[in-house]
Amino acid sequence: MALSVSALVLFGIICFIFIRNKQLKTGHFILAALFGFMLNQSTAAKPIQDFLSQIAKSISSIAS
């Protein structure tokens, strides 16, 4: 759960920076957010979550 929240915060910050620099319009941000919510409900959500978990474990093992 912590990985999901951290990834959500990270992507939120990136989107905020793009909007602030006028590289990502508000409409694009809304579309990206809706895509994320729809992707979460699809069958691709489990493999993506597993992939992100493996990356987090790899980074954790390298850092320690």
N, C-alpha and C. Protein backbone atom coordinates (compact mmCIF):
# COMPACT_ATOMS: atom_id res chain seq x y z
N MET A 1 0.82 -1.19 0.00
CA MET A 1 0.00 0.00 0.00
C MET A 1 0.86 1.26 0.00
N ALA A 2 1.97 1.23 0.72
CA ALA A 2 2.83 2.40 0.78
C ALA A 2 3.40 2.74 -0.60
N LEU A 3 3.69 1.72 -1.40
CA LEU A 3 4.22 1.96 -2.74
C LEU A 3 3.18 2.66 -3.60
N SER A 4 1.94 2.25 -3.50
CA SER A 4 0.87 2.87 -4.29
C SER A 4 0.70 4.33 -3.93
N VAL A 5 0.70 4.62 -2.64
CA VAL A 5 0.54 6.01 -2.21
C VAL A 5 1.75 6.82 -2.65
N SER A 6 2.94 6.28 -2.51
CA SER A 6 4.14 7.01 -2.91
C SER A 6 4.15 7.27 -4.42
N ALA A 7 3.77 6.27 -5.21
CA ALA A 7 3.72 6.46 -6.65
C ALA A 7 2.67 7.49 -7.02
N LEU A 8 1.53 7.45 -6.34
CA LEU A 8 0.48 8.42 -6.60
C LEU A 8 0.95 9.84 -6.30
N VAL A 9 1.63 10.01 -5.18
CA VAL A 9 2.15 11.33 -4.83
C VAL A 9 3.20 11.79 -5.84
N LEU A 10 4.09 10.88 -6.24
CA LEU A 10 5.12 11.21 -7.22
C LEU A 10 4.52 11.66 -8.55
N PHE A 11 3.56 10.89 -9.06
CA PHE A 11 2.93 11.26 -10.32
C PHE A 11 2.13 12.55 -10.19
N GLY A 12 1.52 12.77 -9.03
CA GLY A 12 0.81 14.02 -8.79
C GLY A 12 1.74 15.22 -8.82
N ILE A 13 2.90 15.07 -8.21
CA ILE A 13 3.89 16.16 -8.21
C ILE A 13 4.39 16.43 -9.63
N ILE A 14 4.66 15.36 -10.39
CA ILE A 14 5.12 15.53 -11.76
C ILE A 14 4.07 16.25 -12.60
N CYS A 15 2.82 15.84 -12.46
CA CYS A 15 1.74 16.51 -13.20
C CYS A 15 1.62 17.98 -12.79
N PHE A 16 1.77 18.26 -11.49
CA PHE A 16 1.69 19.64 -11.01
C PHE A 16 2.81 20.48 -11.62
N ILE A 17 4.01 19.93 -11.69
CA ILE A 17 5.14 20.67 -12.27
C ILE A 17 4.89 20.94 -13.75
N PHE A 18 4.37 19.94 -14.49
CA PHE A 18 4.08 20.15 -15.90
C PHE A 18 3.01 21.22 -16.10
N ILE A 19 1.99 21.21 -15.25
CA ILE A 19 0.94 22.24 -15.36
C ILE A 19 1.52 23.61 -15.04
N ARG A 20 2.36 23.67 -14.02
CA ARG A 20 2.95 24.95 -13.61
C ARG A 20 3.84 25.53 -14.71
N ASN A 21 4.57 24.65 -15.42
CA ASN A 21 5.43 25.10 -16.50
C ASN A 21 4.70 25.20 -17.83
N LYS A 22 3.40 24.99 -17.79
CA LYS A 22 2.53 25.07 -18.97
C LYS A 22 2.92 24.08 -20.06
N GLN A 23 3.48 22.94 -19.64
CA GLN A 23 3.80 21.88 -20.58
C GLN A 23 2.69 20.83 -20.62
N LEU A 24 1.84 20.83 -19.61
CA LEU A 24 0.72 19.90 -19.55
C LEU A 24 -0.52 20.72 -19.23
N LYS A 25 -1.43 20.77 -20.15
CA LYS A 25 -2.65 21.55 -19.95
C LYS A 25 -3.57 20.84 -18.97
N THR A 26 -4.49 21.57 -18.41
CA THR A 26 -5.41 21.02 -17.42
C THR A 26 -6.23 19.87 -18.00
N GLY A 27 -6.67 20.00 -19.23
CA GLY A 27 -7.43 18.94 -19.87
C GLY A 27 -6.63 17.66 -20.00
N HIS A 28 -5.34 17.79 -20.32
CA HIS A 28 -4.47 16.62 -20.42
C HIS A 28 -4.28 15.97 -19.04
N PHE A 29 -4.18 16.80 -18.01
CA PHE A 29 -4.03 16.28 -16.66
C PHE A 29 -5.27 15.48 -16.25
N ILE A 30 -6.43 16.00 -16.54
CA ILE A 30 -7.68 15.30 -16.22
C ILE A 30 -7.75 13.98 -16.98
N LEU A 31 -7.38 14.01 -18.24
CA LEU A 31 -7.38 12.79 -19.05
C LEU A 31 -6.40 11.75 -18.48
N ALA A 32 -5.22 12.19 -18.07
CA ALA A 32 -4.23 11.27 -17.49
C ALA A 32 -4.74 10.68 -16.18
N ALA A 33 -5.39 11.48 -15.36
CA ALA A 33 -5.94 10.99 -14.09
C ALA A 33 -7.05 9.98 -14.34
N LEU A 34 -7.94 10.27 -15.26
CA LEU A 34 -9.02 9.33 -15.58
C LEU A 34 -8.47 8.03 -16.15
N PHE A 35 -7.43 8.13 -16.99
CA PHE A 35 -6.81 6.93 -17.54
C PHE A 35 -6.23 6.07 -16.42
N GLY A 36 -5.60 6.71 -15.45
CA GLY A 36 -5.04 5.97 -14.31
C GLY A 36 -6.11 5.24 -13.52
N PHE A 37 -7.23 5.91 -13.27
CA PHE A 37 -8.32 5.25 -12.54
C PHE A 37 -8.90 4.09 -13.34
N MET A 38 -9.05 4.26 -14.64
CA MET A 38 -9.59 3.18 -15.46
C MET A 38 -8.60 2.02 -15.57
N LEU A 39 -7.31 2.34 -15.66
CA LEU A 39 -6.29 1.30 -15.74
C LEU A 39 -6.26 0.49 -14.45
N ASN A 40 -6.51 1.14 -13.33
CA ASN A 40 -6.54 0.46 -12.05
C ASN A 40 -7.64 -0.60 -11.99
N GLN A 41 -8.73 -0.40 -12.70
CA GLN A 41 -9.84 -1.32 -12.69
C GLN A 41 -9.74 -2.39 -13.78
N SER A 42 -8.73 -2.31 -14.62
CA SER A 42 -8.60 -3.27 -15.72
C SER A 42 -7.83 -4.50 -15.28
N THR A 43 -7.73 -5.46 -16.17
CA THR A 43 -6.97 -6.69 -15.88
C THR A 43 -5.47 -6.44 -15.91
N ALA A 44 -5.05 -5.31 -16.43
CA ALA A 44 -3.62 -5.00 -16.48
C ALA A 44 -3.11 -4.47 -15.14
N ALA A 45 -3.99 -4.19 -14.21
CA ALA A 45 -3.58 -3.59 -12.94
C ALA A 45 -2.67 -4.51 -12.14
N LYS A 46 -2.98 -5.79 -12.08
CA LYS A 46 -2.19 -6.75 -11.29
C LYS A 46 -0.76 -6.90 -11.83
N PRO A 47 -0.57 -7.11 -13.14
CA PRO A 47 0.82 -7.21 -13.64
C PRO A 47 1.61 -5.90 -13.44
N ILE A 48 0.95 -4.78 -13.60
CA ILE A 48 1.64 -3.50 -13.40
C ILE A 48 2.06 -3.35 -11.95
N GLN A 49 1.16 -3.70 -11.02
CA GLN A 49 1.47 -3.61 -9.60
C GLN A 49 2.61 -4.55 -9.24
N ASP A 50 2.59 -5.76 -9.80
CA ASP A 50 3.68 -6.72 -9.54
C ASP A 50 5.01 -6.18 -10.07
N PHE A 51 4.99 -5.58 -11.26
CA PHE A 51 6.20 -5.01 -11.85
C PHE A 51 6.76 -3.88 -10.97
N LEU A 52 5.88 -2.99 -10.52
CA LEU A 52 6.32 -1.89 -9.66
C LEU A 52 6.84 -2.39 -8.32
N SER A 53 6.23 -3.44 -7.80
CA SER A 53 6.71 -4.03 -6.54
C SER A 53 8.11 -4.61 -6.71
N GLN A 54 8.36 -5.28 -7.84
CA GLN A 54 9.68 -5.84 -8.09
C GLN A 54 10.74 -4.74 -8.23
N ILE A 55 10.36 -3.66 -8.89
CA ILE A 55 11.30 -2.53 -9.01
C ILE A 55 11.61 -1.94 -7.65
N ALA A 56 10.58 -1.78 -6.81
CA ALA A 56 10.79 -1.24 -5.47
C ALA A 56 11.68 -2.15 -4.63
N LYS A 57 11.47 -3.46 -4.75
CA LYS A 57 12.32 -4.42 -4.01
C LYS A 57 13.77 -4.34 -4.50
N SER A 58 13.95 -4.21 -5.82
CA SER A 58 15.30 -4.11 -6.37
C SER A 58 16.01 -2.86 -5.88
N ILE A 59 15.31 -1.75 -5.91
CA ILE A 59 15.91 -0.49 -5.44
C ILE A 59 16.21 -0.57 -3.96
N SER A 60 15.31 -1.18 -3.21
CA SER A 60 15.51 -1.33 -1.78
C SER A 60 16.73 -2.19 -1.47
N SER A 61 16.90 -3.27 -2.22
CA SER A 61 18.05 -4.15 -1.97
C SER A 61 19.36 -3.49 -2.38
N ILE A 62 19.34 -2.66 -3.40
CA ILE A 62 20.54 -1.94 -3.82
C ILE A 62 20.90 -0.87 -2.80
N ALA A 63 19.87 -0.17 -2.27
CA ALA A 63 20.10 0.93 -1.33
C ALA A 63 20.59 0.44 0.02
N SER A 64 20.24 -0.81 0.42
CA SER A 64 20.66 -1.25 1.74
C SER A 64 21.92 -2.06 1.75
